[in-house]
C-alpha atoms as a PDB file:
ATOM      1  CA  MET A   1     -76.355  28.222  70.728  1.00  0.00           C
ATOM      2  CA  ASN A   2     -78.195  29.169  67.575  1.00  0.00           C
ATOM      3  CA  LYS A   3     -81.119  26.704  67.756  1.00  0.00           C
ATOM      4  CA  VAL A   4     -82.766  24.259  70.163  1.00  0.00           C
ATOM      5  CA  THR A   5     -85.120  21.389  69.421  1.00  0.00           C
ATOM      6  CA  TYR A   6     -88.005  20.087  71.528  1.00  0.00           C
ATOM      7  CA  ASN A   7     -90.620  17.580  70.444  1.00  0.00           C
ATOM      8  CA  GLY A   8     -89.297  17.684  66.884  1.00  0.00           C
ATOM      9  CA  LEU A   9     -89.755  21.481  66.751  1.00  0.00           C
ATOM     10  CA  THR A  10     -86.838  23.902  66.237  1.00  0.00           C
ATOM     11  CA  PHE A  11     -86.600  27.215  68.076  1.00  0.00           C
ATOM     12  CA  ARG A  12     -84.244  30.159  67.540  1.00  0.00           C
ATOM     13  CA  PRO A  13     -83.158  32.885  69.983  1.00  0.00           C
ATOM     14  CA  TYR A  14     -85.731  35.663  70.513  1.00  0.00           C
ATOM     15  CA  ILE A  15     -85.249  37.636  73.714  1.00  0.00           C
ATOM     16  CA  LYS A  16     -81.891  37.481  75.516  1.00  0.00           C
ATOM     17  CA  SER A  17     -81.654  37.015  79.307  1.00  0.00           C
ATOM     18  CA  ASP A  18     -79.939  40.438  79.690  1.00  0.00           C
ATOM     19  CA  ASP A  19     -82.887  42.135  78.021  1.00  0.00           C
ATOM     20  CA  ILE A  20     -85.290  40.190  80.244  1.00  0.00           C
ATOM     21  CA  ALA A  21     -83.382  41.213  83.395  1.00  0.00           C
ATOM     22  CA  GLN A  22     -83.429  44.879  82.341  1.00  0.00           C
ATOM     23  CA  ARG A  23     -87.200  44.839  81.809  1.00  0.00           C
ATOM     24  CA  VAL A  24     -87.794  43.023  85.108  1.00  0.00           C
ATOM     25  CA  LYS A  25     -85.899  45.817  86.873  1.00  0.00           C
ATOM     26  CA  GLU A  26     -87.892  48.493  85.074  1.00  0.00           C
ATOM     27  CA  ILE A  27     -91.226  46.819  85.978  1.00  0.00           C
ATOM     28  CA  ALA A  28     -90.057  46.445  89.594  1.00  0.00           C
ATOM     29  CA  ASN A  29     -89.323  50.172  89.692  1.00  0.00           C
ATOM     30  CA  GLU A  30     -92.790  51.014  88.428  1.00  0.00           C
ATOM     31  CA  ILE A  31     -94.399  48.771  91.095  1.00  0.00           C
ATOM     32  CA  ARG A  32     -92.145  50.139  93.837  1.00  0.00           C
ATOM     33  CA  ASN A  33     -93.016  53.702  92.847  1.00  0.00           C
ATOM     34  CA  GLU A  34     -96.758  52.997  92.725  1.00  0.00           C
ATOM     35  CA  PHE A  35     -97.025  50.831  95.863  1.00  0.00           C
ATOM     36  CA  HIS A  36     -94.135  51.908  98.132  1.00  0.00           C
ATOM     37  CA  ASP A  37     -96.576  52.686 100.928  1.00  0.00           C
ATOM     38  CA  THR A  38     -98.326  49.249 100.906  1.00  0.00           C
ATOM     39  CA  VAL A  39     -97.364  45.623 101.353  1.00  0.00           C
ATOM     40  CA  PRO A  40     -98.601  44.141  98.068  1.00  0.00           C
ATOM     41  CA  LEU A  41     -99.387  40.457  97.651  1.00  0.00           C
ATOM     42  CA  PHE A  42     -97.813  39.071  94.479  1.00  0.00           C
ATOM     43  CA  VAL A  43     -99.846  36.115  93.068  1.00  0.00           C
ATOM     44  CA  CYS A  44     -97.654  34.012  90.839  1.00  0.00           C
ATOM     45  CA  VAL A  45     -99.423  31.932  88.213  1.00  0.00           C
ATOM     46  CA  LEU A  46     -97.557  28.600  88.170  1.00  0.00           C
ATOM     47  CA  ASN A  47     -95.700  27.061  86.539  1.00  0.00           C
ATOM     48  CA  GLY A  48     -94.692  29.443  83.785  1.00  0.00           C
ATOM     49  CA  ALA A  49     -94.480  32.707  85.771  1.00  0.00           C
ATOM     50  CA  PHE A  50     -92.229  31.317  88.447  1.00  0.00           C
ATOM     51  CA  PRO A  51     -88.904  32.641  87.050  1.00  0.00           C
ATOM     52  CA  PHE A  52     -90.420  36.094  86.305  1.00  0.00           C
ATOM     53  CA  ALA A  53     -92.147  36.179  89.691  1.00  0.00           C
ATOM     54  CA  SER A  54     -88.937  35.224  91.532  1.00  0.00           C
ATOM     55  CA  ASP A  55     -86.889  37.867  89.800  1.00  0.00           C
ATOM     56  CA  LEU A  56     -89.568  40.572  90.083  1.00  0.00           C
ATOM     57  CA  PHE A  57     -90.282  39.813  93.731  1.00  0.00           C
ATOM     58  CA  ARG A  58     -86.609  40.226  94.662  1.00  0.00           C
ATOM     59  CA  ALA A  59     -86.169  43.312  92.473  1.00  0.00           C
ATOM     60  CA  VAL A  60     -89.210  45.221  93.801  1.00  0.00           C
ATOM     61  CA  GLY A  61     -87.322  46.378  96.858  1.00  0.00           C
ATOM     62  CA  ILE A  62     -90.345  46.917  99.173  1.00  0.00           C
ATOM     63  CA  ASP A  63     -91.983  44.654 101.702  1.00  0.00           C
ATOM     64  CA  ALA A  64     -94.260  42.247  99.897  1.00  0.00           C
ATOM     65  CA  GLU A  65     -95.773  38.831 100.173  1.00  0.00           C
ATOM     66  CA  ILE A  66     -96.101  36.098  97.562  1.00  0.00           C
ATOM     67  CA  ALA A  67     -98.678  33.373  96.981  1.00  0.00           C
ATOM     68  CA  PHE A  68     -99.213  30.901  94.167  1.00  0.00           C
ATOM     69  CA  VAL A  69    -102.012  29.640  91.944  1.00  0.00           C
ATOM     70  CA  LYS A  70    -101.845  26.983  89.277  1.00  0.00           C
ATOM     71  CA  LEU A  71    -103.993  27.151  86.180  1.00  0.00           C
ATOM     72  CA  LYS A  72    -103.809  25.174  82.983  1.00  0.00           C
ATOM     73  CA  SER A  73    -105.093  26.140  79.511  1.00  0.00           C
ATOM     74  CA  TYR A  74    -102.407  24.767  77.163  1.00  0.00           C
ATOM     75  CA  GLU A  75    -101.693  21.353  75.627  1.00  0.00           C
ATOM     76  CA  GLY A  76     -98.562  21.228  73.432  1.00  0.00           C
ATOM     77  CA  THR A  77     -98.347  24.373  71.339  1.00  0.00           C
ATOM     78  CA  SER A  78    -101.974  25.579  71.485  1.00  0.00           C
ATOM     79  CA  THR A  79    -104.535  26.712  73.968  1.00  0.00           C
ATOM     80  CA  THR A  80    -107.425  24.430  74.811  1.00  0.00           C
ATOM     81  CA  GLY A  81    -109.769  27.419  75.305  1.00  0.00           C
ATOM     82  CA  LYS A  82    -110.643  26.078  78.769  1.00  0.00           C
ATOM     83  CA  VAL A  83    -109.040  27.063  82.044  1.00  0.00           C
ATOM     84  CA  LYS A  84    -108.559  24.505  84.776  1.00  0.00           C
ATOM     85  CA  GLU A  85    -107.699  25.612  88.299  1.00  0.00           C
ATOM     86  CA  LEU A  86    -105.221  23.156  89.750  1.00  0.00           C
ATOM     87  CA  LEU A  87    -104.208  25.164  92.830  1.00  0.00           C
ATOM     88  CA  GLY A  88    -106.262  28.025  94.179  1.00  0.00           C
ATOM     89  CA  LEU A  89    -105.459  31.051  96.306  1.00  0.00           C
ATOM     90  CA  THR A  90    -106.077  30.503 100.016  1.00  0.00           C
ATOM     91  CA  ASP A  91    -104.965  33.946 101.261  1.00  0.00           C
ATOM     92  CA  ASP A  92    -107.566  36.551 102.354  1.00  0.00           C
ATOM     93  CA  ILE A  93    -107.141  39.438  99.894  1.00  0.00           C
ATOM     94  CA  GLU A  94    -110.011  41.668 100.899  1.00  0.00           C
ATOM     95  CA  GLY A  95    -108.776  45.292 101.073  1.00  0.00           C
ATOM     96  CA  ARG A  96    -105.248  44.294  99.861  1.00  0.00           C
ATOM     97  CA  THR A  97    -103.148  45.366  96.912  1.00  0.00           C
ATOM     98  CA  VAL A  98    -102.812  42.330  94.740  1.00  0.00           C
ATOM     99  CA  ILE A  99    -100.481  42.010  91.719  1.00  0.00           C
ATOM    100  CA  ILE A 100    -100.950  38.978  89.573  1.00  0.00           C
ATOM    101  CA  ILE A 101     -97.686  37.801  87.991  1.00  0.00           C
ATOM    102  CA  GLU A 102     -98.127  36.013  84.668  1.00  0.00           C
ATOM    103  CA  ASP A 103     -95.597  34.755  82.178  1.00  0.00           C
ATOM    104  CA  ILE A 104     -97.689  35.560  79.085  1.00  0.00           C
ATOM    105  CA  VAL A 105    -101.047  36.962  78.164  1.00  0.00           C
ATOM    106  CA  ASP A 106    -102.082  35.890  74.660  1.00  0.00           C
ATOM    107  CA  THR A 107    -105.774  35.030  74.230  1.00  0.00           C
ATOM    108  CA  GLY A 108    -106.439  36.495  77.691  1.00  0.00           C
ATOM    109  CA  ILE A 109    -108.815  33.707  78.660  1.00  0.00           C
ATOM    110  CA  THR A 110    -106.703  32.511  81.600  1.00  0.00           C
ATOM    111  CA  ILE A 111    -105.970  35.962  83.005  1.00  0.00           C
ATOM    112  CA  GLU A 112    -109.632  37.011  82.599  1.00  0.00           C
ATOM    113  CA  LYS A 113    -110.823  34.044  84.600  1.00  0.00           C
ATOM    114  CA  LEU A 114    -108.260  34.652  87.317  1.00  0.00           C
ATOM    115  CA  VAL A 115    -108.973  38.397  87.545  1.00  0.00           C
ATOM    116  CA  SER A 116    -112.709  37.682  87.807  1.00  0.00           C
ATOM    117  CA  SER A 117    -112.111  35.101  90.526  1.00  0.00           C
ATOM    118  CA  LEU A 118    -109.883  37.441  92.533  1.00  0.00           C
ATOM    119  CA  GLN A 119    -112.143  40.514  92.071  1.00  0.00           C
ATOM    120  CA  ALA A 120    -114.874  38.494  93.846  1.00  0.00           C
ATOM    121  CA  LYS A 121    -112.625  38.458  96.936  1.00  0.00           C
ATOM    122  CA  LYS A 122    -112.716  42.283  97.060  1.00  0.00           C
ATOM    123  CA  PRO A 123    -109.062  43.415  96.904  1.00  0.00           C
ATOM    124  CA  LYS A 124    -108.401  47.150  97.272  1.00  0.00           C
ATOM    125  CA  THR A 125    -106.299  47.123  94.039  1.00  0.00           C
ATOM    126  CA  LEU A 126    -105.757  44.355  91.480  1.00  0.00           C
ATOM    127  CA  LYS A 127    -103.035  44.667  88.862  1.00  0.00           C
ATOM    128  CA  VAL A 128    -101.524  42.349  86.340  1.00  0.00           C
ATOM    129  CA  ALA A 129     -97.869  42.106  85.497  1.00  0.00           C
ATOM    130  CA  SER A 130     -97.000  39.981  82.464  1.00  0.00           C
ATOM    131  CA  LEU A 131     -93.606  39.364  81.074  1.00  0.00           C
ATOM    132  CA  LEU A 132     -95.017  38.880  77.617  1.00  0.00           C
ATOM    133  CA  PHE A 133     -98.170  40.162  75.902  1.00  0.00           C
ATOM    134  CA  LYS A 134     -99.557  39.180  72.483  1.00  0.00           C
ATOM    135  CA  PRO A 135    -101.968  42.009  71.711  1.00  0.00           C
ATOM    136  CA  ASP A 136    -102.907  40.487  68.340  1.00  0.00           C
ATOM    137  CA  ALA A 137    -104.081  37.292  70.015  1.00  0.00           C
ATOM    138  CA  LEU A 138    -106.137  38.903  72.761  1.00  0.00           C
ATOM    139  CA  ARG A 139    -109.776  37.802  72.808  1.00  0.00           C
ATOM    140  CA  GLY A 140    -110.539  38.752  76.405  1.00  0.00           C
ATOM    141  CA  ASN A 141    -111.054  42.101  78.012  1.00  0.00           C
ATOM    142  CA  VAL A 142    -108.135  42.078  80.455  1.00  0.00           C
ATOM    143  CA  LYS A 143    -104.858  43.736  79.390  1.00  0.00           C
ATOM    144  CA  PRO A 144    -101.785  43.632  81.673  1.00  0.00           C
ATOM    145  CA  ASP A 145    -100.963  46.811  83.617  1.00  0.00           C
ATOM    146  CA  TYR A 146     -97.240  46.088  83.458  1.00  0.00           C
ATOM    147  CA  VAL A 147     -95.765  44.465  80.329  1.00  0.00           C
ATOM    148  CA  GLY A 148     -92.230  43.282  79.759  1.00  0.00           C
ATOM    149  CA  PHE A 149     -92.442  42.789  76.023  1.00  0.00           C
ATOM    150  CA  GLU A 150     -95.204  42.976  73.435  1.00  0.00           C
ATOM    151  CA  ILE A 151     -94.709  40.184  70.925  1.00  0.00           C
ATOM    152  CA  PRO A 152     -96.425  38.807  67.855  1.00  0.00           C
ATOM    153  CA  SER A 153     -98.555  35.650  67.890  1.00  0.00           C
ATOM    154  CA  LYS A 154     -95.690  33.210  67.748  1.00  0.00           C
ATOM    155  CA  PHE A 155     -95.030  30.121  69.891  1.00  0.00           C
ATOM    156  CA  ILE A 156     -92.193  30.720  72.393  1.00  0.00           C
ATOM    157  CA  ILE A 157     -90.330  28.800  75.053  1.00  0.00           C
ATOM    158  CA  GLY A 158     -87.804  29.488  77.799  1.00  0.00           C
ATOM    159  CA  TYR A 159     -87.655  31.631  80.985  1.00  0.00           C
ATOM    160  CA  GLY A 160     -90.660  29.702  82.374  1.00  0.00           C
ATOM    161  CA  LEU A 161     -92.491  29.059  79.149  1.00  0.00           C
ATOM    162  CA  ASP A 162     -92.650  25.426  78.139  1.00  0.00           C
ATOM    163  CA  ILE A 163     -93.506  22.920  75.513  1.00  0.00           C
ATOM    164  CA  ASP A 164     -95.115  19.971  77.269  1.00  0.00           C
ATOM    165  CA  GLY A 165     -93.248  20.779  80.503  1.00  0.00           C
ATOM    166  CA  MET A 166     -89.761  21.127  78.911  1.00  0.00           C
ATOM    167  CA  ALA A 167     -87.599  24.197  78.185  1.00  0.00           C
ATOM    168  CA  ARG A 168     -88.806  26.256  81.183  1.00  0.00           C
ATOM    169  CA  ASN A 169     -85.305  26.535  82.552  1.00  0.00           C
ATOM    170  CA  LEU A 170     -83.709  28.109  79.419  1.00  0.00           C
ATOM    171  CA  PRO A 171     -82.516  31.582  80.525  1.00  0.00           C
ATOM    172  CA  ASP A 172     -83.426  33.197  77.219  1.00  0.00           C
ATOM    173  CA  ILE A 173     -86.746  33.173  75.330  1.00  0.00           C
ATOM    174  CA  TRP A 174     -86.820  31.224  72.082  1.00  0.00           C
ATOM    175  CA  VAL A 175     -89.320  31.427  69.188  1.00  0.00           C
ATOM    176  CA  LEU A 176     -90.559  28.622  66.960  1.00  0.00           C
ATOM    177  CA  ASP A 177     -88.413  28.634  63.811  1.00  0.00           C
ATOM    178  CA  GLU A 178     -90.934  28.516  60.973  1.00  0.00           C
ATOM    179  CA  GLU A 179     -88.391  28.542  58.146  1.00  0.00           C
END
């Protein structure tokens, strides 16, 4: 498949599923090496991070727990600049090692709000793992501790990333074709 179309927009291949799987394994190894003597709590940011969280959680190879939060800051292809919490964390994280799993950090507004919210609950350690990071778009102060791929400020879909709820189940990541 050379191109896919959603909502009248055309996307071309960008990051292949094999490359994603390789980076997930590498990030899992980093986390395992750093936290092999703890039982970390992975906090998956729904809906987009679900595929990444699932693959990472299985690949980490140490005892761990997983919980979910749901935040929303996008409409269509752009951020609203506001973060809505649709599902919050109910686990007690005081004194725990917590690793937030995010699909993408671009402006950083969402992750900054989540980090601030979780820091208030006094975890021992709080880290961020993001499959994708757009350093050129970052407006916040929170950078991911573990990054799958640094990418330019382009709109992408697939492997959890969507356009109005669609395309999340594509195994590869696709970029908006601006030609």
